[in-house]
Amino acid sequence: MSFWVLAWLRAFALTLAVELPVAVALLVFIEPRRARRAGAAVLANLATHPLVWFAFPGLTAGPAARLASSEVWAVVGEAAIYRFIWPALPLHRAALVSLAANTASFLVGLALARLGLVH
């Protein structure tokens, strides 16, 4: 397996470790089944994370623009998936769940990078 795929798998595992508990907790008001909430969060991340990891770094924009666009993509994409799975989920709530989960993983990643534990 290539270095890039292994690096992505580690990053994806970390993302799920942080985002899954947040999304599962916040989606309880729309879905009583914990496994379905968890499955939706994994699906949402599977749909967004590979692009964040493999496509956005290739953009010609500067680092700040790449970071901002990848984070916006993750929040919007995951909110759209939550909304698709649960049509009764208000858009603002789907966006807040996604924003909370992605903010948590961004901050954990930033903290780990500052500690030199990830790059």
N, C-alpha and C. Protein backbone atom coordinates (compact mmCIF):
# COMPACT_ATOMS: atom_id res chain seq x y z
N MET A 1 0.85 -1.17 0.00
CA MET A 1 0.00 0.00 0.00
C MET A 1 0.89 1.24 0.00
N SER A 2 0.49 2.25 -0.74
CA SER A 2 1.33 3.44 -0.88
C SER A 2 1.33 4.29 0.40
N PHE A 3 2.36 5.11 0.50
CA PHE A 3 2.48 6.03 1.62
C PHE A 3 1.24 6.92 1.75
N TRP A 4 0.75 7.43 0.61
CA TRP A 4 -0.38 8.36 0.62
C TRP A 4 -1.65 7.69 1.11
N VAL A 5 -1.88 6.47 0.71
CA VAL A 5 -3.08 5.75 1.14
C VAL A 5 -2.99 5.44 2.63
N LEU A 6 -1.84 5.02 3.10
CA LEU A 6 -1.67 4.77 4.53
C LEU A 6 -1.84 6.04 5.35
N ALA A 7 -1.29 7.14 4.85
CA ALA A 7 -1.45 8.42 5.54
C ALA A 7 -2.91 8.82 5.58
N TRP A 8 -3.61 8.60 4.46
CA TRP A 8 -5.04 8.93 4.44
C TRP A 8 -5.81 8.05 5.42
N LEU A 9 -5.51 6.76 5.46
CA LEU A 9 -6.22 5.87 6.39
C LEU A 9 -6.02 6.30 7.84
N ARG A 10 -4.81 6.72 8.18
CA ARG A 10 -4.57 7.22 9.54
C ARG A 10 -5.37 8.49 9.80
N ALA A 11 -5.35 9.41 8.84
CA ALA A 11 -6.10 10.66 9.01
C ALA A 11 -7.60 10.40 9.06
N PHE A 12 -8.06 9.48 8.25
CA PHE A 12 -9.49 9.15 8.24
C PHE A 12 -9.90 8.51 9.56
N ALA A 13 -9.07 7.62 10.09
CA ALA A 13 -9.37 7.00 11.39
C ALA A 13 -9.43 8.06 12.49
N LEU A 14 -8.50 9.00 12.48
CA LEU A 14 -8.52 10.08 13.46
C LEU A 14 -9.77 10.94 13.30
N THR A 15 -10.11 11.26 12.06
CA THR A 15 -11.32 12.05 11.79
C THR A 15 -12.54 11.34 12.35
N LEU A 16 -12.67 10.06 12.07
CA LEU A 16 -13.82 9.31 12.57
C LEU A 16 -13.82 9.24 14.09
N ALA A 17 -12.63 9.07 14.69
CA ALA A 17 -12.56 8.98 16.15
C ALA A 17 -13.07 10.26 16.81
N VAL A 18 -12.88 11.39 16.14
CA VAL A 18 -13.32 12.67 16.70
C VAL A 18 -14.75 13.00 16.27
N GLU A 19 -15.04 12.86 14.98
CA GLU A 19 -16.34 13.30 14.46
C GLU A 19 -17.49 12.37 14.79
N LEU A 20 -17.23 11.08 14.85
CA LEU A 20 -18.31 10.12 15.08
C LEU A 20 -19.05 10.37 16.40
N PRO A 21 -18.34 10.52 17.52
CA PRO A 21 -19.08 10.77 18.77
C PRO A 21 -19.88 12.08 18.73
N VAL A 22 -19.34 13.09 18.08
CA VAL A 22 -20.04 14.38 18.00
C VAL A 22 -21.32 14.23 17.18
N ALA A 23 -21.19 13.69 15.99
CA ALA A 23 -22.35 13.56 15.11
C ALA A 23 -23.39 12.61 15.69
N VAL A 24 -22.94 11.50 16.25
CA VAL A 24 -23.89 10.53 16.83
C VAL A 24 -24.67 11.18 17.97
N ALA A 25 -24.00 11.95 18.80
CA ALA A 25 -24.70 12.62 19.90
C ALA A 25 -25.67 13.68 19.40
N LEU A 26 -25.27 14.45 18.41
CA LEU A 26 -26.10 15.56 17.95
C LEU A 26 -27.25 15.14 17.04
N LEU A 27 -27.17 13.96 16.45
CA LEU A 27 -28.24 13.49 15.56
C LEU A 27 -29.32 12.70 16.30
N VAL A 28 -29.20 12.60 17.61
CA VAL A 28 -30.16 11.81 18.39
C VAL A 28 -31.59 12.36 18.28
N PHE A 29 -31.73 13.65 18.05
CA PHE A 29 -33.07 14.24 17.97
C PHE A 29 -33.81 13.86 16.69
N ILE A 30 -33.11 13.38 15.67
CA ILE A 30 -33.74 13.01 14.41
C ILE A 30 -33.78 11.50 14.20
N GLU A 31 -32.86 10.78 14.84
CA GLU A 31 -32.75 9.33 14.62
C GLU A 31 -32.51 8.62 15.94
N PRO A 32 -33.45 7.78 16.37
CA PRO A 32 -33.28 7.09 17.65
C PRO A 32 -32.24 5.96 17.62
N ARG A 33 -31.97 5.41 16.44
CA ARG A 33 -31.06 4.27 16.35
C ARG A 33 -29.61 4.73 16.24
N ARG A 34 -28.85 4.42 17.27
CA ARG A 34 -27.43 4.83 17.34
C ARG A 34 -26.63 4.31 16.14
N ALA A 35 -26.86 3.05 15.77
CA ALA A 35 -26.11 2.47 14.66
C ALA A 35 -26.40 3.22 13.35
N ARG A 36 -27.62 3.66 13.16
CA ARG A 36 -27.94 4.40 11.93
C ARG A 36 -27.29 5.79 11.94
N ARG A 37 -27.27 6.42 13.11
CA ARG A 37 -26.57 7.72 13.21
C ARG A 37 -25.09 7.55 12.92
N ALA A 38 -24.49 6.50 13.49
CA ALA A 38 -23.06 6.24 13.26
C ALA A 38 -22.80 5.91 11.79
N GLY A 39 -23.66 5.11 11.20
CA GLY A 39 -23.49 4.77 9.79
C GLY A 39 -23.58 5.99 8.90
N ALA A 40 -24.50 6.88 9.21
CA ALA A 40 -24.65 8.10 8.42
C ALA A 40 -23.40 8.98 8.54
N ALA A 41 -22.84 9.06 9.73
CA ALA A 41 -21.64 9.87 9.93
C ALA A 41 -20.45 9.28 9.19
N VAL A 42 -20.31 7.96 9.21
CA VAL A 42 -19.23 7.31 8.46
C VAL A 42 -19.43 7.55 6.97
N LEU A 43 -20.65 7.37 6.49
CA LEU A 43 -20.94 7.59 5.07
C LEU A 43 -20.62 9.03 4.66
N ALA A 44 -21.03 9.98 5.48
CA ALA A 44 -20.77 11.39 5.17
C ALA A 44 -19.27 11.66 5.08
N ASN A 45 -18.51 11.09 5.99
CA ASN A 45 -17.06 11.29 5.96
C ASN A 45 -16.41 10.55 4.80
N LEU A 46 -16.92 9.39 4.45
CA LEU A 46 -16.39 8.68 3.28
C LEU A 46 -16.63 9.46 2.00
N ALA A 47 -17.70 10.23 1.98
CA ALA A 47 -18.02 11.03 0.79
C ALA A 47 -17.17 12.30 0.69
N THR A 48 -16.73 12.83 1.81
CA THR A 48 -16.02 14.11 1.78
C THR A 48 -14.52 14.00 2.03
N HIS A 49 -14.11 13.13 2.92
CA HIS A 49 -12.71 13.09 3.36
C HIS A 49 -11.72 12.76 2.24
N PRO A 50 -12.00 11.80 1.36
CA PRO A 50 -11.01 11.54 0.30
C PRO A 50 -10.73 12.76 -0.58
N LEU A 51 -11.74 13.55 -0.87
CA LEU A 51 -11.51 14.76 -1.67
C LEU A 51 -10.68 15.78 -0.89
N VAL A 52 -10.98 15.91 0.39
CA VAL A 52 -10.21 16.83 1.23
C VAL A 52 -8.74 16.39 1.24
N TRP A 53 -8.50 15.11 1.31
CA TRP A 53 -7.15 14.59 1.44
C TRP A 53 -6.38 14.56 0.11
N PHE A 54 -7.07 14.13 -0.96
CA PHE A 54 -6.37 13.90 -2.23
C PHE A 54 -6.56 15.00 -3.27
N ALA A 55 -7.72 15.65 -3.30
CA ALA A 55 -7.99 16.63 -4.36
C ALA A 55 -7.64 18.06 -3.95
N PHE A 56 -8.08 18.47 -2.79
CA PHE A 56 -7.87 19.87 -2.40
C PHE A 56 -6.41 20.29 -2.29
N PRO A 57 -5.50 19.42 -1.85
CA PRO A 57 -4.09 19.84 -1.82
C PRO A 57 -3.53 20.19 -3.20
N GLY A 58 -4.15 19.70 -4.27
CA GLY A 58 -3.67 19.99 -5.61
C GLY A 58 -4.18 21.30 -6.19
N LEU A 59 -5.04 21.99 -5.47
CA LEU A 59 -5.53 23.28 -5.95
C LEU A 59 -4.39 24.28 -6.03
N THR A 60 -4.47 25.16 -7.00
CA THR A 60 -3.39 26.15 -7.16
C THR A 60 -3.53 27.33 -6.22
N ALA A 61 -4.61 27.41 -5.49
CA ALA A 61 -4.79 28.50 -4.53
C ALA A 61 -3.75 28.38 -3.42
N GLY A 62 -3.59 29.43 -2.66
CA GLY A 62 -2.65 29.40 -1.54
C GLY A 62 -3.12 28.48 -0.43
N PRO A 63 -2.26 28.23 0.55
CA PRO A 63 -2.59 27.30 1.63
C PRO A 63 -3.86 27.67 2.40
N ALA A 64 -4.04 28.95 2.68
CA ALA A 64 -5.23 29.36 3.43
C ALA A 64 -6.50 29.11 2.62
N ALA A 65 -6.47 29.40 1.33
CA ALA A 65 -7.64 29.16 0.47
C ALA A 65 -7.92 27.68 0.33
N ARG A 66 -6.88 26.86 0.23
CA ARG A 66 -7.07 25.41 0.14
C ARG A 66 -7.69 24.88 1.43
N LEU A 67 -7.19 25.34 2.55
CA LEU A 67 -7.72 24.89 3.83
C LEU A 67 -9.18 25.32 3.98
N ALA A 68 -9.46 26.57 3.69
CA ALA A 68 -10.83 27.06 3.82
C ALA A 68 -11.78 26.33 2.89
N SER A 69 -11.38 26.13 1.64
CA SER A 69 -12.28 25.47 0.70
C SER A 69 -12.49 24.01 1.05
N SER A 70 -11.47 23.34 1.56
CA SER A 70 -11.66 21.94 1.93
C SER A 70 -12.56 21.81 3.15
N GLU A 71 -12.43 22.71 4.10
CA GLU A 71 -13.29 22.65 5.29
C GLU A 71 -14.74 23.01 4.94
N VAL A 72 -14.92 24.00 4.07
CA VAL A 72 -16.28 24.34 3.63
C VAL A 72 -16.89 23.14 2.89
N TRP A 73 -16.12 22.51 2.02
CA TRP A 73 -16.60 21.32 1.31
C TRP A 73 -17.05 20.25 2.31
N ALA A 74 -16.24 19.98 3.32
CA ALA A 74 -16.58 18.94 4.29
C ALA A 74 -17.87 19.28 5.01
N VAL A 75 -18.01 20.50 5.48
CA VAL A 75 -19.22 20.89 6.21
C VAL A 75 -20.46 20.83 5.31
N VAL A 76 -20.37 21.41 4.14
CA VAL A 76 -21.53 21.44 3.23
C VAL A 76 -21.86 20.03 2.73
N GLY A 77 -20.84 19.29 2.35
CA GLY A 77 -21.08 17.94 1.85
C GLY A 77 -21.70 17.03 2.88
N GLU A 78 -21.19 17.06 4.09
CA GLU A 78 -21.73 16.21 5.14
C GLU A 78 -23.13 16.64 5.54
N ALA A 79 -23.38 17.94 5.61
CA ALA A 79 -24.73 18.42 5.91
C ALA A 79 -25.71 17.95 4.84
N ALA A 80 -25.31 18.01 3.58
CA ALA A 80 -26.18 17.56 2.49
C ALA A 80 -26.49 16.08 2.61
N ILE A 81 -25.51 15.30 3.02
CA ILE A 81 -25.75 13.86 3.18
C ILE A 81 -26.70 13.60 4.34
N TYR A 82 -26.52 14.29 5.45
CA TYR A 82 -27.45 14.13 6.57
C TYR A 82 -28.87 14.50 6.14
N ARG A 83 -28.98 15.55 5.40
CA ARG A 83 -30.29 16.01 4.91
C ARG A 83 -30.89 14.99 3.94
N PHE A 84 -30.07 14.37 3.10
CA PHE A 84 -30.54 13.35 2.17
C PHE A 84 -31.05 12.13 2.92
N ILE A 85 -30.33 11.72 3.96
CA ILE A 85 -30.72 10.54 4.74
C ILE A 85 -31.99 10.82 5.53
N TRP A 86 -32.08 12.01 6.10
CA TRP A 86 -33.25 12.39 6.90
C TRP A 86 -33.86 13.66 6.32
N PRO A 87 -34.75 13.53 5.35
CA PRO A 87 -35.35 14.71 4.71
C PRO A 87 -36.06 15.65 5.69
N ALA A 88 -36.52 15.12 6.82
CA ALA A 88 -37.19 15.96 7.81
C ALA A 88 -36.20 16.77 8.65
N LEU A 89 -34.93 16.48 8.52
CA LEU A 89 -33.90 17.21 9.27
C LEU A 89 -33.79 18.62 8.71
N PRO A 90 -34.07 19.64 9.52
CA PRO A 90 -33.94 21.01 9.02
C PRO A 90 -32.52 21.29 8.55
N LEU A 91 -32.40 22.03 7.48
CA LEU A 91 -31.08 22.32 6.89
C LEU A 91 -30.14 22.96 7.90
N HIS A 92 -30.65 23.90 8.70
CA HIS A 92 -29.77 24.55 9.66
C HIS A 92 -29.25 23.57 10.71
N ARG A 93 -30.05 22.58 11.07
CA ARG A 93 -29.59 21.58 12.04
C ARG A 93 -28.56 20.65 11.42
N ALA A 94 -28.79 20.25 10.18
CA ALA A 94 -27.82 19.41 9.48
C ALA A 94 -26.49 20.14 9.39
N ALA A 95 -26.55 21.43 9.08
CA ALA A 95 -25.33 22.24 8.97
C ALA A 95 -24.64 22.38 10.32
N LEU A 96 -25.41 22.54 11.39
CA LEU A 96 -24.80 22.68 12.71
C LEU A 96 -24.14 21.39 13.17
N VAL A 97 -24.77 20.24 12.89
CA VAL A 97 -24.15 18.96 13.23
C VAL A 97 -22.83 18.81 12.50
N SER A 98 -22.86 19.08 11.21
CA SER A 98 -21.66 18.96 10.40
C SER A 98 -20.58 19.95 10.84
N LEU A 99 -20.98 21.17 11.10
CA LEU A 99 -20.03 22.19 11.54
C LEU A 99 -19.40 21.81 12.88
N ALA A 100 -20.19 21.32 13.81
CA ALA A 100 -19.66 20.93 15.12
C ALA A 100 -18.67 19.78 14.99
N ALA A 101 -19.03 18.77 14.21
CA ALA A 101 -18.15 17.60 14.05
C ALA A 101 -16.85 18.00 13.35
N ASN A 102 -16.96 18.79 12.29
CA ASN A 102 -15.77 19.19 11.55
C ASN A 102 -14.90 20.16 12.33
N THR A 103 -15.51 21.03 13.12
CA THR A 103 -14.73 21.93 13.97
C THR A 103 -13.94 21.13 14.99
N ALA A 104 -14.58 20.14 15.58
CA ALA A 104 -13.90 19.29 16.56
C ALA A 104 -12.69 18.60 15.94
N SER A 105 -12.88 17.99 14.76
CA SER A 105 -11.75 17.27 14.15
C SER A 105 -10.67 18.23 13.68
N PHE A 106 -11.05 19.40 13.21
CA PHE A 106 -10.06 20.41 12.81
C PHE A 106 -9.21 20.83 14.01
N LEU A 107 -9.86 21.10 15.13
CA LEU A 107 -9.13 21.55 16.32
C LEU A 107 -8.24 20.45 16.89
N VAL A 108 -8.71 19.22 16.88
CA VAL A 108 -7.87 18.11 17.35
C VAL A 108 -6.66 17.95 16.42
N GLY A 109 -6.90 18.01 15.12
CA GLY A 109 -5.80 17.92 14.17
C GLY A 109 -4.79 19.04 14.35
N LEU A 110 -5.29 20.24 14.57
CA LEU A 110 -4.41 21.39 14.79
C LEU A 110 -3.57 21.19 16.06
N ALA A 111 -4.22 20.74 17.13
CA ALA A 111 -3.50 20.51 18.38
C ALA A 111 -2.44 19.42 18.22
N LEU A 112 -2.78 18.34 17.53
CA LEU A 112 -1.81 17.27 17.32
C LEU A 112 -0.65 17.74 16.44
N ALA A 113 -0.95 18.58 15.47
CA ALA A 113 0.13 19.12 14.61
C ALA A 113 1.05 20.02 15.43
N ARG A 114 0.49 20.84 16.30
CA ARG A 114 1.32 21.73 17.12
C ARG A 114 2.20 20.95 18.08
N LEU A 115 1.69 19.77 18.49
CA LEU A 115 2.48 18.91 19.37
C LEU A 115 3.49 18.06 18.59
N GLY A 116 3.44 18.16 17.28
CA GLY A 116 4.35 17.40 16.45
C GLY A 116 3.96 15.95 16.27
N LEU A 117 2.71 15.61 16.57
CA LEU A 117 2.27 14.23 16.50
C LEU A 117 1.71 13.84 15.13
N VAL A 118 1.33 14.84 14.34
CA VAL A 118 0.89 14.63 12.94
C VAL A 118 1.49 15.76 12.11
N HIS A 119 1.52 15.55 10.79
CA HIS A 119 1.99 16.64 9.93
C HIS A 119 1.05 16.80 8.78
